Amino acid sequence: MKQGFRKNRRDGMIFGVCAGIADHFGIDVLWTRVGFVGLTLLGFGLPLLLYITVAILAP
């Protein structure tokens, strides 16, 4: 059975959220980071707020 989402502090740069997302979906962490930066620039900061929320709440 697959575990739920977990941050990846080993491969992470700040909190490991993007690395955890990449591990969970089986994609390269570079594309996760590029997508996050793109969404942050287009989303007027909402993705940044979600990132901080996940960084606080996720194990």
PDB file of N, CA and C in Angstrom:
ATOM      1  N   MET A   1       0.842  -1.184   0.000  1.00  0.00           N
ATOM      2  CA  MET A   1       0.000   0.000   0.000  1.00  0.00           C
ATOM      3  C   MET A   1       0.888   1.249   0.000  1.00  0.00           C
ATOM      4  N   LYS A   2       0.521   2.229  -0.807  1.00  0.00           N
ATOM      5  CA  LYS A   2       1.311   3.443  -0.936  1.00  0.00           C
ATOM      6  C   LYS A   2       1.035   4.382   0.235  1.00  0.00           C
ATOM      7  N   GLN A   3       2.104   4.930   0.766  1.00  0.00           N
ATOM      8  CA  GLN A   3       1.984   5.875   1.874  1.00  0.00           C
ATOM      9  C   GLN A   3       1.461   7.216   1.368  1.00  0.00           C
ATOM     10  N   GLY A   4       0.990   8.045   2.267  1.00  0.00           N
ATOM     11  CA  GLY A   4       0.543   9.384   1.914  1.00  0.00           C
ATOM     12  C   GLY A   4       1.726  10.298   1.622  1.00  0.00           C
ATOM     13  N   PHE A   5       1.446  11.546   1.417  1.00  0.00           N
ATOM     14  CA  PHE A   5       2.480  12.517   1.085  1.00  0.00           C
ATOM     15  C   PHE A   5       3.410  12.759   2.268  1.00  0.00           C
ATOM     16  N   ARG A   6       4.700  12.798   1.975  1.00  0.00           N
ATOM     17  CA  ARG A   6       5.704  13.128   2.973  1.00  0.00           C
ATOM     18  C   ARG A   6       6.724  14.051   2.342  1.00  0.00           C
ATOM     19  N   LYS A   7       7.199  15.027   3.115  1.00  0.00           N
ATOM     20  CA  LYS A   7       8.256  15.899   2.624  1.00  0.00           C
ATOM     21  C   LYS A   7       9.542  15.092   2.484  1.00  0.00           C
ATOM     22  N   ASN A   8      10.378  15.491   1.542  1.00  0.00           N
ATOM     23  CA  ASN A   8      11.664  14.824   1.323  1.00  0.00           C
ATOM     24  C   ASN A   8      12.754  15.816   1.685  1.00  0.00           C
ATOM     25  N   ARG A   9      13.214  15.758   2.922  1.00  0.00           N
ATOM     26  CA  ARG A   9      14.227  16.704   3.387  1.00  0.00           C
ATOM     27  C   ARG A   9      15.611  16.373   2.853  1.00  0.00           C
ATOM     28  N   ARG A  10      15.822  15.136   2.447  1.00  0.00           N
ATOM     29  CA  ARG A  10      17.134  14.721   1.917  1.00  0.00           C
ATOM     30  C   ARG A  10      17.417  15.395   0.576  1.00  0.00           C
ATOM     31  N   ASP A  11      16.420  15.439  -0.313  1.00  0.00           N
ATOM     32  CA  ASP A  11      16.594  16.025  -1.635  1.00  0.00           C
ATOM     33  C   ASP A  11      16.031  17.435  -1.736  1.00  0.00           C
ATOM     34  N   GLY A  12      15.424  17.924  -0.674  1.00  0.00           N
ATOM     35  CA  GLY A  12      14.791  19.236  -0.707  1.00  0.00           C
ATOM     36  C   GLY A  12      15.789  20.371  -0.565  1.00  0.00           C
ATOM     37  N   MET A  13      15.399  21.536  -1.059  1.00  0.00           N
ATOM     38  CA  MET A  13      16.263  22.701  -0.955  1.00  0.00           C
ATOM     39  C   MET A  13      15.902  23.560   0.258  1.00  0.00           C
ATOM     40  N   ILE A  14      14.631  23.787   0.499  1.00  0.00           N
ATOM     41  CA  ILE A  14      14.233  24.626   1.638  1.00  0.00           C
ATOM     42  C   ILE A  14      13.520  23.761   2.677  1.00  0.00           C
ATOM     43  N   PHE A  15      12.298  23.352   2.395  1.00  0.00           N
ATOM     44  CA  PHE A  15      11.540  22.508   3.318  1.00  0.00           C
ATOM     45  C   PHE A  15      11.324  21.100   2.789  1.00  0.00           C
ATOM     46  N   GLY A  16      11.615  20.856   1.537  1.00  0.00           N
ATOM     47  CA  GLY A  16      11.438  19.539   0.954  1.00  0.00           C
ATOM     48  C   GLY A  16      10.062  19.277   0.389  1.00  0.00           C
ATOM     49  N   VAL A  17       9.245  20.309   0.244  1.00  0.00           N
ATOM     50  CA  VAL A  17       7.878  20.125  -0.257  1.00  0.00           C
ATOM     51  C   VAL A  17       7.887  19.733  -1.729  1.00  0.00           C
ATOM     52  N   CYS A  18       8.630  20.454  -2.555  1.00  0.00           N
ATOM     53  CA  CYS A  18       8.681  20.128  -3.990  1.00  0.00           C
ATOM     54  C   CYS A  18       9.301  18.754  -4.218  1.00  0.00           C
ATOM     55  N   ALA A  19      10.317  18.405  -3.447  1.00  0.00           N
ATOM     56  CA  ALA A  19      10.928  17.075  -3.570  1.00  0.00           C
ATOM     57  C   ALA A  19       9.946  15.996  -3.137  1.00  0.00           C
ATOM     58  N   GLY A  20       9.149  16.268  -2.122  1.00  0.00           N
ATOM     59  CA  GLY A  20       8.130  15.315  -1.694  1.00  0.00           C
ATOM     60  C   GLY A  20       7.047  15.120  -2.728  1.00  0.00           C
ATOM     61  N   ILE A  21       6.641  16.208  -3.377  1.00  0.00           N
ATOM     62  CA  ILE A  21       5.642  16.117  -4.450  1.00  0.00           C
ATOM     63  C   ILE A  21       6.203  15.304  -5.608  1.00  0.00           C
ATOM     64  N   ALA A  22       7.463  15.555  -5.953  1.00  0.00           N
ATOM     65  CA  ALA A  22       8.101  14.812  -7.044  1.00  0.00           C
ATOM     66  C   ALA A  22       8.185  13.326  -6.711  1.00  0.00           C
ATOM     67  N   ASP A  23       8.535  12.986  -5.482  1.00  0.00           N
ATOM     68  CA  ASP A  23       8.575  11.579  -5.073  1.00  0.00           C
ATOM     69  C   ASP A  23       7.193  10.939  -5.124  1.00  0.00           C
ATOM     70  N   HIS A  24       6.202  11.666  -4.665  1.00  0.00           N
ATOM     71  CA  HIS A  24       4.843  11.127  -4.599  1.00  0.00           C
ATOM     72  C   HIS A  24       4.293  10.791  -5.992  1.00  0.00           C
ATOM     73  N   PHE A  25       4.569  11.655  -6.962  1.00  0.00           N
ATOM     74  CA  PHE A  25       4.046  11.455  -8.309  1.00  0.00           C
ATOM     75  C   PHE A  25       5.046  10.791  -9.250  1.00  0.00           C
ATOM     76  N   GLY A  26       6.268  10.561  -8.806  1.00  0.00           N
ATOM     77  CA  GLY A  26       7.259   9.871  -9.613  1.00  0.00           C
ATOM     78  C   GLY A  26       7.814  10.701 -10.758  1.00  0.00           C
ATOM     79  N   ILE A  27       7.976  11.999 -10.549  1.00  0.00           N
ATOM     80  CA  ILE A  27       8.539  12.863 -11.581  1.00  0.00           C
ATOM     81  C   ILE A  27       9.829  13.491 -11.069  1.00  0.00           C
ATOM     82  N   ASP A  28      10.560  14.147 -11.962  1.00  0.00           N
ATOM     83  CA  ASP A  28      11.815  14.778 -11.590  1.00  0.00           C
ATOM     84  C   ASP A  28      11.546  16.029 -10.755  1.00  0.00           C
ATOM     85  N   VAL A  29      12.340  16.211  -9.714  1.00  0.00           N
ATOM     86  CA  VAL A  29      12.143  17.342  -8.814  1.00  0.00           C
ATOM     87  C   VAL A  29      12.378  18.678  -9.522  1.00  0.00           C
ATOM     88  N   LEU A  30      13.208  18.704 -10.539  1.00  0.00           N
ATOM     89  CA  LEU A  30      13.449  19.942 -11.284  1.00  0.00           C
ATOM     90  C   LEU A  30      12.158  20.470 -11.898  1.00  0.00           C
ATOM     91  N   TRP A  31      11.364  19.580 -12.501  1.00  0.00           N
ATOM     92  CA  TRP A  31      10.110  20.004 -13.128  1.00  0.00           C
ATOM     93  C   TRP A  31       9.099  20.461 -12.084  1.00  0.00           C
ATOM     94  N   THR A  32       9.143  19.868 -10.927  1.00  0.00           N
ATOM     95  CA  THR A  32       8.249  20.297  -9.851  1.00  0.00           C
ATOM     96  C   THR A  32       8.600  21.715  -9.417  1.00  0.00           C
ATOM     97  N   ARG A  33       9.885  21.984  -9.273  1.00  0.00           N
ATOM     98  CA  ARG A  33      10.320  23.324  -8.862  1.00  0.00           C
ATOM     99  C   ARG A  33      10.016  24.367  -9.934  1.00  0.00           C
ATOM    100  N   VAL A  34      10.259  24.024 -11.199  1.00  0.00           N
ATOM    101  CA  VAL A  34       9.966  24.951 -12.291  1.00  0.00           C
ATOM    102  C   VAL A  34       8.467  25.247 -12.337  1.00  0.00           C
ATOM    103  N   GLY A  35       7.659  24.213 -12.190  1.00  0.00           N
ATOM    104  CA  GLY A  35       6.202  24.404 -12.176  1.00  0.00           C
ATOM    105  C   GLY A  35       5.750  25.252 -11.005  1.00  0.00           C
ATOM    106  N   PHE A  36       6.350  25.052  -9.848  1.00  0.00           N
ATOM    107  CA  PHE A  36       5.980  25.838  -8.677  1.00  0.00           C
ATOM    108  C   PHE A  36       6.322  27.310  -8.873  1.00  0.00           C
ATOM    109  N   VAL A  37       7.506  27.593  -9.400  1.00  0.00           N
ATOM    110  CA  VAL A  37       7.900  28.983  -9.642  1.00  0.00           C
ATOM    111  C   VAL A  37       6.979  29.621 -10.681  1.00  0.00           C
ATOM    112  N   GLY A  38       6.663  28.879 -11.737  1.00  0.00           N
ATOM    113  CA  GLY A  38       5.746  29.397 -12.754  1.00  0.00           C
ATOM    114  C   GLY A  38       4.367  29.693 -12.191  1.00  0.00           C
ATOM    115  N   LEU A  39       3.850  28.781 -11.391  1.00  0.00           N
ATOM    116  CA  LEU A  39       2.538  29.005 -10.787  1.00  0.00           C
ATOM    117  C   LEU A  39       2.557  30.155  -9.791  1.00  0.00           C
ATOM    118  N   THR A  40       3.659  30.317  -9.084  1.00  0.00           N
ATOM    119  CA  THR A  40       3.763  31.425  -8.142  1.00  0.00           C
ATOM    120  C   THR A  40       3.755  32.759  -8.876  1.00  0.00           C
ATOM    121  N   LEU A  41       4.478  32.820 -10.000  1.00  0.00           N
ATOM    122  CA  LEU A  41       4.504  34.069 -10.766  1.00  0.00           C
ATOM    123  C   LEU A  41       3.155  34.365 -11.416  1.00  0.00           C
ATOM    124  N   LEU A  42       2.449  33.327 -11.843  1.00  0.00           N
ATOM    125  CA  LEU A  42       1.150  33.520 -12.477  1.00  0.00           C
ATOM    126  C   LEU A  42       0.001  33.602 -11.478  1.00  0.00           C
ATOM    127  N   GLY A  43       0.189  33.026 -10.303  1.00  0.00           N
ATOM    128  CA  GLY A  43      -0.894  32.936  -9.331  1.00  0.00           C
ATOM    129  C   GLY A  43      -0.896  34.014  -8.280  1.00  0.00           C
ATOM    130  N   PHE A  44      -0.064  35.026  -8.448  1.00  0.00           N
ATOM    131  CA  PHE A  44      -0.040  36.165  -7.528  1.00  0.00           C
ATOM    132  C   PHE A  44       0.211  35.761  -6.077  1.00  0.00           C
ATOM    133  N   GLY A  45       1.045  34.753  -5.860  1.00  0.00           N
ATOM    134  CA  GLY A  45       1.459  34.391  -4.510  1.00  0.00           C
ATOM    135  C   GLY A  45       0.641  33.324  -3.826  1.00  0.00           C
ATOM    136  N   LEU A  46      -0.497  32.928  -4.365  1.00  0.00           N
ATOM    137  CA  LEU A  46      -1.309  31.888  -3.721  1.00  0.00           C
ATOM    138  C   LEU A  46      -0.550  30.566  -3.611  1.00  0.00           C
ATOM    139  N   PRO A  47       0.161  30.122  -4.652  1.00  0.00           N
ATOM    140  CA  PRO A  47       0.944  28.886  -4.488  1.00  0.00           C
ATOM    141  C   PRO A  47       1.997  28.988  -3.382  1.00  0.00           C
ATOM    142  N   LEU A  48       2.535  30.165  -3.165  1.00  0.00           N
ATOM    143  CA  LEU A  48       3.511  30.346  -2.089  1.00  0.00           C
ATOM    144  C   LEU A  48       2.849  30.140  -0.725  1.00  0.00           C
ATOM    145  N   LEU A  49       1.643  30.637  -0.575  1.00  0.00           N
ATOM    146  CA  LEU A  49       0.895  30.429   0.667  1.00  0.00           C
ATOM    147  C   LEU A  49       0.596  28.950   0.871  1.00  0.00           C
ATOM    148  N   LEU A  50       0.221  28.248  -0.191  1.00  0.00           N
ATOM    149  CA  LEU A  50      -0.028  26.809  -0.092  1.00  0.00           C
ATOM    150  C   LEU A  50       1.254  26.055   0.246  1.00  0.00           C
ATOM    151  N   TYR A  51       2.383  26.472  -0.328  1.00  0.00           N
ATOM    152  CA  TYR A  51       3.679  25.840  -0.043  1.00  0.00           C
ATOM    153  C   TYR A  51       4.009  25.963   1.448  1.00  0.00           C
ATOM    154  N   ILE A  52       3.832  27.141   2.001  1.00  0.00           N
ATOM    155  CA  ILE A  52       4.130  27.356   3.419  1.00  0.00           C
ATOM    156  C   ILE A  52       3.190  26.549   4.291  1.00  0.00           C
ATOM    157  N   THR A  53       1.920  26.448   3.903  1.00  0.00           N
ATOM    158  CA  THR A  53       0.961  25.633   4.655  1.00  0.00           C
ATOM    159  C   THR A  53       1.357  24.165   4.658  1.00  0.00           C
ATOM    160  N   VAL A  54       1.736  23.639   3.490  1.00  0.00           N
ATOM    161  CA  VAL A  54       2.166  22.235   3.395  1.00  0.00           C
ATOM    162  C   VAL A  54       3.460  22.031   4.183  1.00  0.00           C
ATOM    163  N   ALA A  55       4.362  22.992   4.136  1.00  0.00           N
ATOM    164  CA  ALA A  55       5.630  22.875   4.872  1.00  0.00           C
ATOM    165  C   ALA A  55       5.388  22.776   6.374  1.00  0.00           C
ATOM    166  N   ILE A  56       4.363  23.452   6.854  1.00  0.00           N
ATOM    167  CA  ILE A  56       4.052  23.417   8.289  1.00  0.00           C
ATOM    168  C   ILE A  56       3.289  22.149   8.656  1.00  0.00           C
ATOM    169  N   LEU A  57       2.331  21.740   7.828  1.00  0.00           N
ATOM    170  CA  LEU A  57       1.425  20.663   8.212  1.00  0.00           C
ATOM    171  C   LEU A  57       1.891  19.256   7.830  1.00  0.00           C
ATOM    172  N   ALA A  58       2.645  19.109   6.760  1.00  0.00           N
ATOM    173  CA  ALA A  58       3.030  17.776   6.289  1.00  0.00           C
ATOM    174  C   ALA A  58       4.149  17.196   7.154  1.00  0.00           C
ATOM    175  N   PRO A  59       4.113  15.893   7.348  1.00  0.00           N
ATOM    176  CA  PRO A  59       5.181  15.265   8.140  1.00  0.00           C
ATOM    177  C   PRO A  59       6.496  15.192   7.375  1.00  0.00           C
TER     178      PRO A  59
END
